[in-house]
PDB file of N, CA and C in Angstrom:
ATOM      1  N   MET A   1     -81.160 -60.866 -11.369  1.00  0.00           N
ATOM      2  CA  MET A   1     -80.988 -62.003 -12.247  1.00  0.00           C
ATOM      3  C   MET A   1     -79.539 -62.062 -12.709  1.00  0.00           C
ATOM      4  N   ARG A   2     -78.963 -63.225 -12.643  1.00  0.00           N
ATOM      5  CA  ARG A   2     -77.596 -63.411 -13.128  1.00  0.00           C
ATOM      6  C   ARG A   2     -77.654 -64.017 -14.520  1.00  0.00           C
ATOM      7  N   THR A   3     -76.810 -63.510 -15.403  1.00  0.00           N
ATOM      8  CA  THR A   3     -76.796 -64.039 -16.764  1.00  0.00           C
ATOM      9  C   THR A   3     -75.913 -65.275 -16.876  1.00  0.00           C
ATOM     10  N   ASN A   4     -74.935 -65.407 -15.999  1.00  0.00           N
ATOM     11  CA  ASN A   4     -74.004 -66.528 -16.133  1.00  0.00           C
ATOM     12  C   ASN A   4     -73.390 -66.886 -14.780  1.00  0.00           C
ATOM     13  N   GLY A   5     -74.198 -66.947 -13.749  1.00  0.00           N
ATOM     14  CA  GLY A   5     -73.688 -67.286 -12.435  1.00  0.00           C
ATOM     15  C   GLY A   5     -73.002 -66.113 -11.772  1.00  0.00           C
ATOM     16  N   PRO A   6     -72.613 -66.288 -10.513  1.00  0.00           N
ATOM     17  CA  PRO A   6     -71.968 -65.192  -9.800  1.00  0.00           C
ATOM     18  C   PRO A   6     -70.618 -64.842 -10.419  1.00  0.00           C
ATOM     19  N   GLY A   7     -70.334 -63.563 -10.469  1.00  0.00           N
ATOM     20  CA  GLY A   7     -69.078 -63.119 -11.054  1.00  0.00           C
ATOM     21  C   GLY A   7     -68.222 -62.388 -10.042  1.00  0.00           C
ATOM     22  N   ALA A   8     -67.077 -61.965 -10.493  1.00  0.00           N
ATOM     23  CA  ALA A   8     -66.102 -61.308  -9.626  1.00  0.00           C
ATOM     24  C   ALA A   8     -66.621 -59.986  -9.064  1.00  0.00           C
ATOM     25  N   TYR A   9     -67.535 -59.339  -9.771  1.00  0.00           N
ATOM     26  CA  TYR A   9     -68.016 -58.031  -9.350  1.00  0.00           C
ATOM     27  C   TYR A   9     -69.480 -58.044  -8.907  1.00  0.00           C
ATOM     28  N   GLU A  10     -70.027 -59.211  -8.669  1.00  0.00           N
ATOM     29  CA  GLU A  10     -71.427 -59.324  -8.262  1.00  0.00           C
ATOM     30  C   GLU A  10     -71.707 -58.561  -6.970  1.00  0.00           C
ATOM     31  N   ASP A  11     -70.840 -58.705  -5.974  1.00  0.00           N
ATOM     32  CA  ASP A  11     -71.057 -58.019  -4.695  1.00  0.00           C
ATOM     33  C   ASP A  11     -71.043 -56.505  -4.865  1.00  0.00           C
ATOM     34  N   ALA A  12     -70.138 -55.990  -5.672  1.00  0.00           N
ATOM     35  CA  ALA A  12     -70.061 -54.540  -5.911  1.00  0.00           C
ATOM     36  C   ALA A  12     -71.319 -54.052  -6.627  1.00  0.00           C
ATOM     37  N   CYS A  13     -71.790 -54.831  -7.576  1.00  0.00           N
ATOM     38  CA  CYS A  13     -72.990 -54.470  -8.325  1.00  0.00           C
ATOM     39  C   CYS A  13     -74.201 -54.404  -7.392  1.00  0.00           C
ATOM     40  N   THR A  14     -74.342 -55.404  -6.539  1.00  0.00           N
ATOM     41  CA  THR A  14     -75.453 -55.429  -5.593  1.00  0.00           C
ATOM     42  C   THR A  14     -75.345 -54.275  -4.604  1.00  0.00           C
ATOM     43  N   LEU A  15     -74.138 -53.977  -4.154  1.00  0.00           N
ATOM     44  CA  LEU A  15     -73.922 -52.869  -3.221  1.00  0.00           C
ATOM     45  C   LEU A  15     -74.373 -51.545  -3.844  1.00  0.00           C
ATOM     46  N   VAL A  16     -74.016 -51.327  -5.090  1.00  0.00           N
ATOM     47  CA  VAL A  16     -74.425 -50.098  -5.781  1.00  0.00           C
ATOM     48  C   VAL A  16     -75.943 -50.050  -5.889  1.00  0.00           C
ATOM     49  N   ARG A  17     -76.558 -51.138  -6.334  1.00  0.00           N
ATOM     50  CA  ARG A  17     -78.016 -51.168  -6.492  1.00  0.00           C
ATOM     51  C   ARG A  17     -78.716 -50.841  -5.176  1.00  0.00           C
ATOM     52  N   GLU A  18     -78.287 -51.501  -4.110  1.00  0.00           N
ATOM     53  CA  GLU A  18     -78.924 -51.286  -2.806  1.00  0.00           C
ATOM     54  C   GLU A  18     -78.651 -49.888  -2.252  1.00  0.00           C
ATOM     55  N   SER A  19     -77.447 -49.382  -2.446  1.00  0.00           N
ATOM     56  CA  SER A  19     -77.092 -48.085  -1.852  1.00  0.00           C
ATOM     57  C   SER A  19     -77.825 -46.920  -2.508  1.00  0.00           C
ATOM     58  N   ILE A  20     -78.195 -47.059  -3.776  1.00  0.00           N
ATOM     59  CA  ILE A  20     -78.920 -45.971  -4.440  1.00  0.00           C
ATOM     60  C   ILE A  20     -80.403 -46.265  -4.604  1.00  0.00           C
ATOM     61  N   GLY A  21     -80.823 -47.453  -4.169  1.00  0.00           N
ATOM     62  CA  GLY A  21     -82.238 -47.808  -4.235  1.00  0.00           C
ATOM     63  C   GLY A  21     -82.749 -48.020  -5.640  1.00  0.00           C
ATOM     64  N   ALA A  22     -81.895 -48.530  -6.512  1.00  0.00           N
ATOM     65  CA  ALA A  22     -82.274 -48.751  -7.910  1.00  0.00           C
ATOM     66  C   ALA A  22     -82.965 -50.103  -8.093  1.00  0.00           C
ATOM     67  N   THR A  23     -83.745 -50.212  -9.144  1.00  0.00           N
ATOM     68  CA  THR A  23     -84.342 -51.490  -9.520  1.00  0.00           C
ATOM     69  C   THR A  23     -83.272 -52.435 -10.027  1.00  0.00           C
ATOM     70  N   GLY A  24     -82.298 -51.888 -10.730  1.00  0.00           N
ATOM     71  CA  GLY A  24     -81.236 -52.729 -11.272  1.00  0.00           C
ATOM     72  C   GLY A  24     -79.996 -51.923 -11.579  1.00  0.00           C
ATOM     73  N   VAL A  25     -78.901 -52.649 -11.767  1.00  0.00           N
ATOM     74  CA  VAL A  25     -77.616 -52.032 -12.078  1.00  0.00           C
ATOM     75  C   VAL A  25     -76.867 -52.908 -13.075  1.00  0.00           C
ATOM     76  N   VAL A  26     -76.209 -52.262 -14.011  1.00  0.00           N
ATOM     77  CA  VAL A  26     -75.262 -52.922 -14.897  1.00  0.00           C
ATOM     78  C   VAL A  26     -73.920 -52.260 -14.621  1.00  0.00           C
ATOM     79  N   LEU A  27     -72.969 -53.051 -14.181  1.00  0.00           N
ATOM     80  CA  LEU A  27     -71.661 -52.537 -13.790  1.00  0.00           C
ATOM     81  C   LEU A  27     -70.617 -53.073 -14.762  1.00  0.00           C
ATOM     82  N   ILE A  28     -69.897 -52.172 -15.408  1.00  0.00           N
ATOM     83  CA  ILE A  28     -68.800 -52.546 -16.296  1.00  0.00           C
ATOM     84  C   ILE A  28     -67.515 -52.055 -15.649  1.00  0.00           C
ATOM     85  N   VAL A  29     -66.578 -52.966 -15.465  1.00  0.00           N
ATOM     86  CA  VAL A  29     -65.328 -52.655 -14.773  1.00  0.00           C
ATOM     87  C   VAL A  29     -64.158 -52.817 -15.738  1.00  0.00           C
ATOM     88  N   PHE A  30     -63.290 -51.809 -15.763  1.00  0.00           N
ATOM     89  CA  PHE A  30     -62.070 -51.863 -16.549  1.00  0.00           C
ATOM     90  C   PHE A  30     -60.884 -51.863 -15.591  1.00  0.00           C
ATOM     91  N   ASP A  31     -60.011 -52.809 -15.748  1.00  0.00           N
ATOM     92  CA  ASP A  31     -58.785 -52.898 -14.949  1.00  0.00           C
ATOM     93  C   ASP A  31     -59.053 -52.857 -13.444  1.00  0.00           C
ATOM     94  N   GLY A  32     -60.066 -53.573 -13.002  1.00  0.00           N
ATOM     95  CA  GLY A  32     -60.344 -53.688 -11.574  1.00  0.00           C
ATOM     96  C   GLY A  32     -59.441 -54.725 -10.933  1.00  0.00           C
ATOM     97  N   PRO A  33     -59.615 -54.974  -9.645  1.00  0.00           N
ATOM     98  CA  PRO A  33     -58.769 -55.942  -8.950  1.00  0.00           C
ATOM     99  C   PRO A  33     -58.925 -57.370  -9.475  1.00  0.00           C
ATOM    100  N   HIS A  34     -60.024 -57.626 -10.165  1.00  0.00           N
ATOM    101  CA  HIS A  34     -60.251 -58.948 -10.762  1.00  0.00           C
ATOM    102  C   HIS A  34     -60.216 -58.874 -12.288  1.00  0.00           C
ATOM    103  N   GLY A  35     -59.565 -57.850 -12.804  1.00  0.00           N
ATOM    104  CA  GLY A  35     -59.510 -57.662 -14.253  1.00  0.00           C
ATOM    105  C   GLY A  35     -60.750 -56.941 -14.750  1.00  0.00           C
ATOM    106  N   HIS A  36     -61.007 -57.065 -16.047  1.00  0.00           N
ATOM    107  CA  HIS A  36     -62.200 -56.471 -16.639  1.00  0.00           C
ATOM    108  C   HIS A  36     -63.393 -57.341 -16.264  1.00  0.00           C
ATOM    109  N   GLY A  37     -64.566 -56.733 -16.207  1.00  0.00           N
ATOM    110  CA  GLY A  37     -65.738 -57.534 -15.881  1.00  0.00           C
ATOM    111  C   GLY A  37     -67.034 -56.805 -16.109  1.00  0.00           C
ATOM    112  N   LEU A  38     -68.080 -57.584 -16.116  1.00  0.00           N
ATOM    113  CA  LEU A  38     -69.440 -57.081 -16.270  1.00  0.00           C
ATOM    114  C   LEU A  38     -70.299 -57.803 -15.252  1.00  0.00           C
ATOM    115  N   SER A  39     -71.100 -57.045 -14.520  1.00  0.00           N
ATOM    116  CA  SER A  39     -72.034 -57.638 -13.583  1.00  0.00           C
ATOM    117  C   SER A  39     -73.396 -57.003 -13.809  1.00  0.00           C
ATOM    118  N   VAL A  40     -74.420 -57.835 -13.816  1.00  0.00           N
ATOM    119  CA  VAL A  40     -75.790 -57.380 -14.054  1.00  0.00           C
ATOM    120  C   VAL A  40     -76.640 -57.824 -12.872  1.00  0.00           C
ATOM    121  N   ASP A  41     -77.320 -56.873 -12.255  1.00  0.00           N
ATOM    122  CA  ASP A  41     -78.223 -57.161 -11.147  1.00  0.00           C
ATOM    123  C   ASP A  41     -79.572 -56.549 -11.506  1.00  0.00           C
ATOM    124  N   LEU A  42     -80.394 -57.332 -12.194  1.00  0.00           N
ATOM    125  CA  LEU A  42     -81.702 -56.876 -12.654  1.00  0.00           C
ATOM    126  C   LEU A  42     -82.764 -57.904 -12.308  1.00  0.00           C
ATOM    127  N   PRO A  43     -83.981 -57.450 -12.025  1.00  0.00           N
ATOM    128  CA  PRO A  43     -85.057 -58.415 -11.868  1.00  0.00           C
ATOM    129  C   PRO A  43     -85.407 -59.020 -13.227  1.00  0.00           C
ATOM    130  N   PRO A  44     -85.925 -60.236 -13.233  1.00  0.00           N
ATOM    131  CA  PRO A  44     -86.203 -60.920 -14.505  1.00  0.00           C
ATOM    132  C   PRO A  44     -87.089 -60.129 -15.464  1.00  0.00           C
ATOM    133  N   GLN A  45     -88.045 -59.375 -14.949  1.00  0.00           N
ATOM    134  CA  GLN A  45     -88.951 -58.646 -15.837  1.00  0.00           C
ATOM    135  C   GLN A  45     -88.278 -57.466 -16.528  1.00  0.00           C
ATOM    136  N   VAL A  46     -87.143 -57.028 -16.026  1.00  0.00           N
ATOM    137  CA  VAL A  46     -86.416 -55.906 -16.625  1.00  0.00           C
ATOM    138  C   VAL A  46     -85.366 -56.394 -17.626  1.00  0.00           C
ATOM    139  N   MET A  47     -84.903 -57.610 -17.459  1.00  0.00           N
ATOM    140  CA  MET A  47     -83.825 -58.157 -18.297  1.00  0.00           C
ATOM    141  C   MET A  47     -84.098 -58.020 -19.801  1.00  0.00           C
ATOM    142  N   PRO A  48     -85.319 -58.213 -20.289  1.00  0.00           N
ATOM    143  CA  PRO A  48     -85.544 -58.068 -21.740  1.00  0.00           C
ATOM    144  C   PRO A  48     -85.274 -56.666 -22.281  1.00  0.00           C
ATOM    145  N   THR A  49     -85.269 -55.658 -21.428  1.00  0.00           N
ATOM    146  CA  THR A  49     -84.994 -54.293 -21.895  1.00  0.00           C
ATOM    147  C   THR A  49     -83.503 -54.005 -22.012  1.00  0.00           C
ATOM    148  N   LEU A  50     -82.666 -54.862 -21.431  1.00  0.00           N
ATOM    149  CA  LEU A  50     -81.224 -54.603 -21.383  1.00  0.00           C
ATOM    150  C   LEU A  50     -80.567 -54.513 -22.761  1.00  0.00           C
ATOM    151  N   PRO A  51     -80.814 -55.434 -23.687  1.00  0.00           N
ATOM    152  CA  PRO A  51     -80.126 -55.310 -24.992  1.00  0.00           C
ATOM    153  C   PRO A  51     -80.402 -53.985 -25.695  1.00  0.00           C
ATOM    154  N   GLY A  52     -81.651 -53.534 -25.687  1.00  0.00           N
ATOM    155  CA  GLY A  52     -81.982 -52.260 -26.327  1.00  0.00           C
ATOM    156  C   GLY A  52     -81.315 -51.085 -25.637  1.00  0.00           C
ATOM    157  N   MET A  53     -81.263 -51.136 -24.312  1.00  0.00           N
ATOM    158  CA  MET A  53     -80.622 -50.061 -23.563  1.00  0.00           C
ATOM    159  C   MET A  53     -79.131 -50.015 -23.876  1.00  0.00           C
ATOM    160  N   LEU A  54     -78.485 -51.179 -23.917  1.00  0.00           N
ATOM    161  CA  LEU A  54     -77.053 -51.228 -24.215  1.00  0.00           C
ATOM    162  C   LEU A  54     -76.771 -50.751 -25.640  1.00  0.00           C
ATOM    163  N   ARG A  55     -77.652 -51.107 -26.582  1.00  0.00           N
ATOM    164  CA  ARG A  55     -77.482 -50.624 -27.956  1.00  0.00           C
ATOM    165  C   ARG A  55     -77.583 -49.105 -28.021  1.00  0.00           C
ATOM    166  N   ALA A  56     -78.545 -48.539 -27.299  1.00  0.00           N
ATOM    167  CA  ALA A  56     -78.713 -47.082 -27.289  1.00  0.00           C
ATOM    168  C   ALA A  56     -77.494 -46.400 -26.684  1.00  0.00           C
ATOM    169  N   VAL A  57     -76.963 -46.960 -25.618  1.00  0.00           N
ATOM    170  CA  VAL A  57     -75.760 -46.403 -25.001  1.00  0.00           C
ATOM    171  C   VAL A  57     -74.586 -46.492 -25.972  1.00  0.00           C
ATOM    172  N   ALA A  58     -74.423 -47.630 -26.619  1.00  0.00           N
ATOM    173  CA  ALA A  58     -73.335 -47.795 -27.583  1.00  0.00           C
ATOM    174  C   ALA A  58     -73.466 -46.797 -28.735  1.00  0.00           C
ATOM    175  N   ASP A  59     -74.673 -46.612 -29.241  1.00  0.00           N
ATOM    176  CA  ASP A  59     -74.900 -45.653 -30.323  1.00  0.00           C
ATOM    177  C   ASP A  59     -74.541 -44.232 -29.874  1.00  0.00           C
ATOM    178  N   ASP A  60     -74.917 -43.890 -28.646  1.00  0.00           N
ATOM    179  CA  ASP A  60     -74.619 -42.561 -28.122  1.00  0.00           C
ATOM    180  C   ASP A  60     -73.120 -42.344 -27.971  1.00  0.00           C
ATOM    181  N   ILE A  61     -72.429 -43.358 -27.474  1.00  0.00           N
ATOM    182  CA  ILE A  61     -70.976 -43.270 -27.329  1.00  0.00           C
ATOM    183  C   ILE A  61     -70.322 -43.095 -28.694  1.00  0.00           C
ATOM    184  N   GLU A  62     -70.730 -43.907 -29.656  1.00  0.00           N
ATOM    185  CA  GLU A  62     -70.159 -43.793 -31.009  1.00  0.00           C
ATOM    186  C   GLU A  62     -70.411 -42.419 -31.615  1.00  0.00           C
ATOM    187  N   ALA A  63     -71.587 -41.867 -31.379  1.00  0.00           N
ATOM    188  CA  ALA A  63     -71.905 -40.548 -31.931  1.00  0.00           C
ATOM    189  C   ALA A  63     -71.019 -39.460 -31.329  1.00  0.00           C
ATOM    190  N   HIS A  64     -70.640 -39.637 -30.071  1.00  0.00           N
ATOM    191  CA  HIS A  64     -69.842 -38.614 -29.407  1.00  0.00           C
ATOM    192  C   HIS A  64     -68.339 -38.755 -29.658  1.00  0.00           C
ATOM    193  N   ILE A  65     -67.880 -39.942 -30.015  1.00  0.00           N
ATOM    194  CA  ILE A  65     -66.444 -40.118 -30.240  1.00  0.00           C
ATOM    195  C   ILE A  65     -66.095 -40.223 -31.719  1.00  0.00           C
ATOM    196  N   GLY A  66     -67.102 -40.417 -32.536  1.00  0.00           N
ATOM    197  CA  GLY A  66     -66.868 -40.618 -33.961  1.00  0.00           C
ATOM    198  C   GLY A  66     -66.872 -39.365 -34.701  1.00  0.00           C
TER     199      GLY A  66
END
């Protein structure tokens, strides 16, 4: 599922998902060839879990750097 149409890193995101056999992938790119970016390749039924997962990751990062 695309959140906002195809992006600069959509192909890379799909490649990662397919190469590891995952249900979905969220790819965050810093200073890539197309600048910073975010690509999400998830089936529609998984998309509702994404905000909670991202919040948990953010909380974990803050706990480790704060």
